[in-house]
Amino acid sequence: MEWADRPDPAFASPLMRRALNLPHQSAVGADAGDVLVIGSRAQRPGGYHAHVQATVLLSPAQGSAQPYRVLRWQE
């Protein structure tokens, strides 16, 4: 996977474009999808606990091979 050193201005929010001084561009007809942060915590009676947090991008395209993409996973 190749990582960009800056967000693609076509998909950055107006706030992100201003904060990073990105040019104003829009991807015509493109929908980057919704980004969700999902957290889960479990605790056992003995005091052991675990926490996981995932940031995922939901793919808006119909018939997408994968309906989501994990952007970040933290345990």
C-alpha atoms as a PDB file:
ATOM      1  CA  MET A   1       0.000   0.000   0.000  1.00  0.00           C
ATOM      2  CA  GLU A   2       1.344   3.409  -0.898  1.00  0.00           C
ATOM      3  CA  TRP A   3       0.756   6.311   1.496  1.00  0.00           C
ATOM      4  CA  ALA A   4       0.446   9.921   0.410  1.00  0.00           C
ATOM      5  CA  ASP A   5       2.315  12.503   2.454  1.00  0.00           C
ATOM      6  CA  ARG A   6      -0.696  14.879   2.281  1.00  0.00           C
ATOM      7  CA  PRO A   7      -4.458  14.367   2.017  1.00  0.00           C
ATOM      8  CA  ASP A   8      -5.925  14.464  -1.464  1.00  0.00           C
ATOM      9  CA  PRO A   9      -7.510  17.954  -1.671  1.00  0.00           C
ATOM     10  CA  ALA A  10     -10.379  16.506  -3.702  1.00  0.00           C
ATOM     11  CA  PHE A  11     -11.525  14.500  -0.680  1.00  0.00           C
ATOM     12  CA  ALA A  12     -10.450  16.793   2.179  1.00  0.00           C
ATOM     13  CA  SER A  13     -13.076  18.724   4.076  1.00  0.00           C
ATOM     14  CA  PRO A  14     -13.015  22.522   3.846  1.00  0.00           C
ATOM     15  CA  LEU A  15     -11.663  22.679   7.413  1.00  0.00           C
ATOM     16  CA  MET A  16      -8.836  20.258   6.557  1.00  0.00           C
ATOM     17  CA  ARG A  17      -7.976  22.207   3.384  1.00  0.00           C
ATOM     18  CA  ARG A  18      -7.709  25.440   5.385  1.00  0.00           C
ATOM     19  CA  ALA A  19      -5.698  23.836   8.199  1.00  0.00           C
ATOM     20  CA  LEU A  20      -3.168  22.295   5.802  1.00  0.00           C
ATOM     21  CA  ASN A  21      -3.274  25.109   3.248  1.00  0.00           C
ATOM     22  CA  LEU A  22      -4.423  22.739   0.505  1.00  0.00           C
ATOM     23  CA  PRO A  23      -5.798  23.989  -2.806  1.00  0.00           C
ATOM     24  CA  HIS A  24      -9.571  23.989  -3.202  1.00  0.00           C
ATOM     25  CA  GLN A  25     -10.464  21.025  -5.402  1.00  0.00           C
ATOM     26  CA  SER A  26     -13.445  18.781  -5.538  1.00  0.00           C
ATOM     27  CA  ALA A  27     -13.834  15.361  -7.018  1.00  0.00           C
ATOM     28  CA  VAL A  28     -16.879  15.639  -9.234  1.00  0.00           C
ATOM     29  CA  GLY A  29     -19.237  12.779  -8.508  1.00  0.00           C
ATOM     30  CA  ALA A  30     -16.868  11.259  -5.987  1.00  0.00           C
ATOM     31  CA  ASP A  31     -17.967  10.313  -2.512  1.00  0.00           C
ATOM     32  CA  ALA A  32     -15.087   9.378  -0.238  1.00  0.00           C
ATOM     33  CA  GLY A  33     -17.513   7.602   2.090  1.00  0.00           C
ATOM     34  CA  ASP A  34     -18.194   7.846   5.793  1.00  0.00           C
ATOM     35  CA  VAL A  35     -15.424   7.458   8.353  1.00  0.00           C
ATOM     36  CA  LEU A  36     -16.444   5.756  11.589  1.00  0.00           C
ATOM     37  CA  VAL A  37     -14.535   5.238  14.827  1.00  0.00           C
ATOM     38  CA  ILE A  38     -15.656   2.078  16.598  1.00  0.00           C
ATOM     39  CA  GLY A  39     -14.607   1.321  20.150  1.00  0.00           C
ATOM     40  CA  SER A  40     -15.137  -1.799  22.208  1.00  0.00           C
ATOM     41  CA  ARG A  41     -14.147  -2.549  25.789  1.00  0.00           C
ATOM     42  CA  ALA A  42     -14.446  -5.824  27.678  1.00  0.00           C
ATOM     43  CA  GLN A  43     -13.792  -6.527  31.352  1.00  0.00           C
ATOM     44  CA  ARG A  44     -13.723  -9.802  33.206  1.00  0.00           C
ATOM     45  CA  PRO A  45     -14.628 -10.200  36.878  1.00  0.00           C
ATOM     46  CA  GLY A  46     -10.959 -10.797  37.797  1.00  0.00           C
ATOM     47  CA  GLY A  47     -10.067  -7.287  36.679  1.00  0.00           C
ATOM     48  CA  TYR A  48      -8.606  -8.155  33.276  1.00  0.00           C
ATOM     49  CA  HIS A  49      -9.788  -5.766  30.602  1.00  0.00           C
ATOM     50  CA  ALA A  50      -9.169  -5.147  26.922  1.00  0.00           C
ATOM     51  CA  HIS A  51      -9.968  -2.224  24.658  1.00  0.00           C
ATOM     52  CA  VAL A  52      -9.848  -1.978  20.881  1.00  0.00           C
ATOM     53  CA  GLN A  53     -10.562   0.993  18.647  1.00  0.00           C
ATOM     54  CA  ALA A  54     -10.870   0.861  14.864  1.00  0.00           C
ATOM     55  CA  THR A  55     -11.258   3.677  12.363  1.00  0.00           C
ATOM     56  CA  VAL A  56     -12.939   2.480   9.179  1.00  0.00           C
ATOM     57  CA  LEU A  57     -13.937   4.015   5.866  1.00  0.00           C
ATOM     58  CA  LEU A  58     -17.257   2.765   4.525  1.00  0.00           C
ATOM     59  CA  SER A  59     -17.102   2.351   0.750  1.00  0.00           C
ATOM     60  CA  PRO A  60     -20.048   4.096  -0.900  1.00  0.00           C
ATOM     61  CA  ALA A  61     -19.669   2.353  -4.266  1.00  0.00           C
ATOM     62  CA  GLN A  62     -22.273  -0.252  -5.084  1.00  0.00           C
ATOM     63  CA  GLY A  63     -20.804  -3.676  -5.732  1.00  0.00           C
ATOM     64  CA  SER A  64     -17.507  -2.778  -4.061  1.00  0.00           C
ATOM     65  CA  ALA A  65     -15.322  -5.827  -3.470  1.00  0.00           C
ATOM     66  CA  GLN A  66     -14.948  -4.761   0.161  1.00  0.00           C
ATOM     67  CA  PRO A  67     -17.644  -2.619   1.802  1.00  0.00           C
ATOM     68  CA  TYR A  68     -15.151  -1.011   4.205  1.00  0.00           C
ATOM     69  CA  ARG A  69     -11.441  -0.306   4.669  1.00  0.00           C
ATOM     70  CA  VAL A  70      -9.665  -0.238   8.028  1.00  0.00           C
ATOM     71  CA  LEU A  71      -7.745   3.005   8.335  1.00  0.00           C
ATOM     72  CA  ARG A  72      -6.466   2.517  11.891  1.00  0.00           C
ATOM     73  CA  TRP A  73      -6.494  -0.277  14.457  1.00  0.00           C
ATOM     74  CA  GLN A  74      -5.437   0.299  18.058  1.00  0.00           C
ATOM     75  CA  GLU A  75      -5.436  -2.196  20.908  1.00  0.00           C
END
